[in-house]
Amino acid sequence: WFVAPTVIEGVPFDCRTNQEEIFGPVVTLIPFDDEQEVLAYANSTSYGLAAILWTENLTRAHRMANQLQAGIIWINCWMLRDLRTPFGGMKQSGVGREGGFEALRFFTEPKNVCINLT
């Protein structure tokens, strides 16, 4: 099925469209009063693939990025990524990482071998 580009607004933050991953040209808009409120909204979902911050305040951007529970966080951009860096979600948004050395861990099984040489 196809979803036309859609903007959803006027629904509560715990609405299904705000709590589940929508893979399509869909954005939900939720008003907020302060950083703590919007962090609570963003981190209340069971998913954590990506987050986007739009701000002119770099200190705020770093503070928010540190507290957001998402695998990748874009600041004043979208879909900008060096393919040599790991990418993947948190919580129920996927398993493991794509890209970078982190991706190799998905294909390996660590083993510890100890030998007494005396």
Protein backbone atom coordinates (compact mmCIF):
# COMPACT_ATOMS: atom_id res chain seq x y z
CA TRP A 1 0.00 0.00 0.00
CA PHE A 2 1.03 3.62 -0.41
CA VAL A 3 0.94 6.49 2.06
CA ALA A 4 0.98 9.99 0.62
CA PRO A 5 3.20 12.52 2.41
CA THR A 6 1.29 13.17 5.62
CA VAL A 7 1.48 15.55 8.60
CA ILE A 8 -0.34 14.36 11.72
CA GLU A 9 -1.14 16.86 14.46
CA GLY A 10 -3.66 17.34 17.22
CA VAL A 11 -3.38 13.82 18.65
CA PRO A 12 -2.03 12.97 22.14
CA PHE A 13 1.59 11.90 22.48
CA ASP A 14 0.55 8.35 23.40
CA CYS A 15 -1.44 7.95 20.17
CA ARG A 16 -0.37 4.94 18.10
CA THR A 17 1.05 7.18 15.37
CA ASN A 18 3.43 8.67 17.94
CA GLN A 19 4.37 5.40 19.60
CA GLU A 20 5.11 3.11 16.65
CA GLU A 21 7.57 3.29 13.78
CA ILE A 22 6.01 4.51 10.56
CA PHE A 23 8.16 3.81 7.52
CA GLY A 24 6.90 6.36 5.06
CA PRO A 25 6.68 10.09 4.42
CA VAL A 26 4.82 10.76 7.67
CA VAL A 27 5.61 13.24 10.44
CA THR A 28 3.75 13.83 13.67
CA LEU A 29 3.79 17.23 15.35
CA ILE A 30 3.38 17.52 19.12
CA PRO A 31 3.66 20.84 20.94
CA PHE A 32 5.77 20.95 24.10
CA ASP A 33 6.75 23.51 26.72
CA ASP A 34 10.30 22.53 27.71
CA GLU A 35 13.15 20.08 27.13
CA GLN A 36 12.12 17.67 29.87
CA GLU A 37 8.61 17.36 28.47
CA VAL A 38 9.77 16.64 24.94
CA LEU A 39 12.41 14.16 26.20
CA ALA A 40 9.69 12.32 28.11
CA TYR A 41 7.58 12.18 24.94
CA ALA A 42 10.46 11.00 22.76
CA ASN A 43 11.73 8.37 25.19
CA SER A 44 8.29 7.01 26.14
CA THR A 45 8.04 4.86 23.02
CA SER A 46 9.22 1.24 22.84
CA TYR A 47 11.26 2.13 19.77
CA GLY A 48 14.41 4.15 19.25
CA LEU A 49 15.64 4.06 15.68
CA ALA A 50 16.29 7.75 15.04
CA ALA A 51 15.66 11.25 16.35
CA ILE A 52 15.99 14.67 14.78
CA LEU A 53 16.73 17.89 16.65
CA TRP A 54 16.28 21.34 15.15
CA THR A 55 17.96 24.06 17.18
CA GLU A 56 20.36 26.97 16.89
CA ASN A 57 21.80 26.17 20.34
CA LEU A 58 24.68 23.69 20.04
CA THR A 59 24.89 23.22 23.81
CA ARG A 60 21.21 22.27 23.87
CA ALA A 61 21.72 19.93 20.91
CA HIS A 62 24.47 18.01 22.72
CA ARG A 63 22.50 17.90 25.98
CA MET A 64 19.38 16.59 24.25
CA ALA A 65 21.30 14.09 22.09
CA ASN A 66 22.90 12.67 25.22
CA GLN A 67 19.47 12.04 26.78
CA LEU A 68 17.56 10.80 23.73
CA GLN A 69 17.19 7.02 23.50
CA ALA A 70 17.78 6.60 19.77
CA GLY A 71 20.40 4.84 17.70
CA ILE A 72 21.13 7.83 15.49
CA ILE A 73 20.42 11.47 16.15
CA TRP A 74 20.48 14.07 13.42
CA ILE A 75 20.95 17.71 14.38
CA ASN A 76 19.63 20.28 11.90
CA CYS A 77 19.71 17.67 9.14
CA TRP A 78 18.23 14.34 8.09
CA MET A 79 19.73 11.19 6.57
CA LEU A 80 23.28 12.54 6.84
CA ARG A 81 25.61 9.68 7.78
CA ASP A 82 29.12 8.47 7.11
CA LEU A 83 28.71 4.84 6.05
CA ARG A 84 31.83 3.92 8.03
CA THR A 85 30.00 4.64 11.28
CA PRO A 86 27.63 2.22 13.02
CA PHE A 87 23.89 2.59 12.50
CA GLY A 88 21.08 0.83 14.33
CA GLY A 89 18.27 1.38 16.77
CA MET A 90 17.74 1.08 20.49
CA LYS A 91 14.99 -0.71 22.39
CA GLN A 92 12.76 -2.64 19.95
CA SER A 93 14.21 -0.93 16.87
CA GLY A 94 16.29 -3.72 15.45
CA VAL A 95 19.17 -5.85 16.59
CA GLY A 96 22.84 -5.09 16.13
CA ARG A 97 24.45 -2.44 13.98
CA GLU A 98 25.06 -1.88 10.30
CA GLY A 99 28.27 -0.21 9.19
CA GLY A 100 31.55 0.32 10.99
CA PHE A 101 33.38 -2.19 13.16
CA GLU A 102 30.29 -2.55 15.37
CA ALA A 103 28.59 -4.45 12.53
CA LEU A 104 31.18 -7.22 12.75
CA ARG A 105 29.99 -8.14 16.23
CA PHE A 106 26.72 -9.43 14.77
CA PHE A 107 28.68 -12.03 12.78
CA THR A 108 31.09 -13.09 15.52
CA GLU A 109 30.85 -15.12 18.70
CA PRO A 110 33.50 -14.24 21.30
CA LYS A 111 35.34 -17.10 22.93
CA ASN A 112 37.89 -17.11 25.74
CA VAL A 113 40.56 -19.85 25.57
CA CYS A 114 42.92 -20.24 28.55
CA ILE A 115 46.05 -22.40 28.41
CA ASN A 116 48.37 -23.25 31.28
CA LEU A 117 51.88 -23.27 29.78
CA THR A 118 53.70 -24.46 32.93
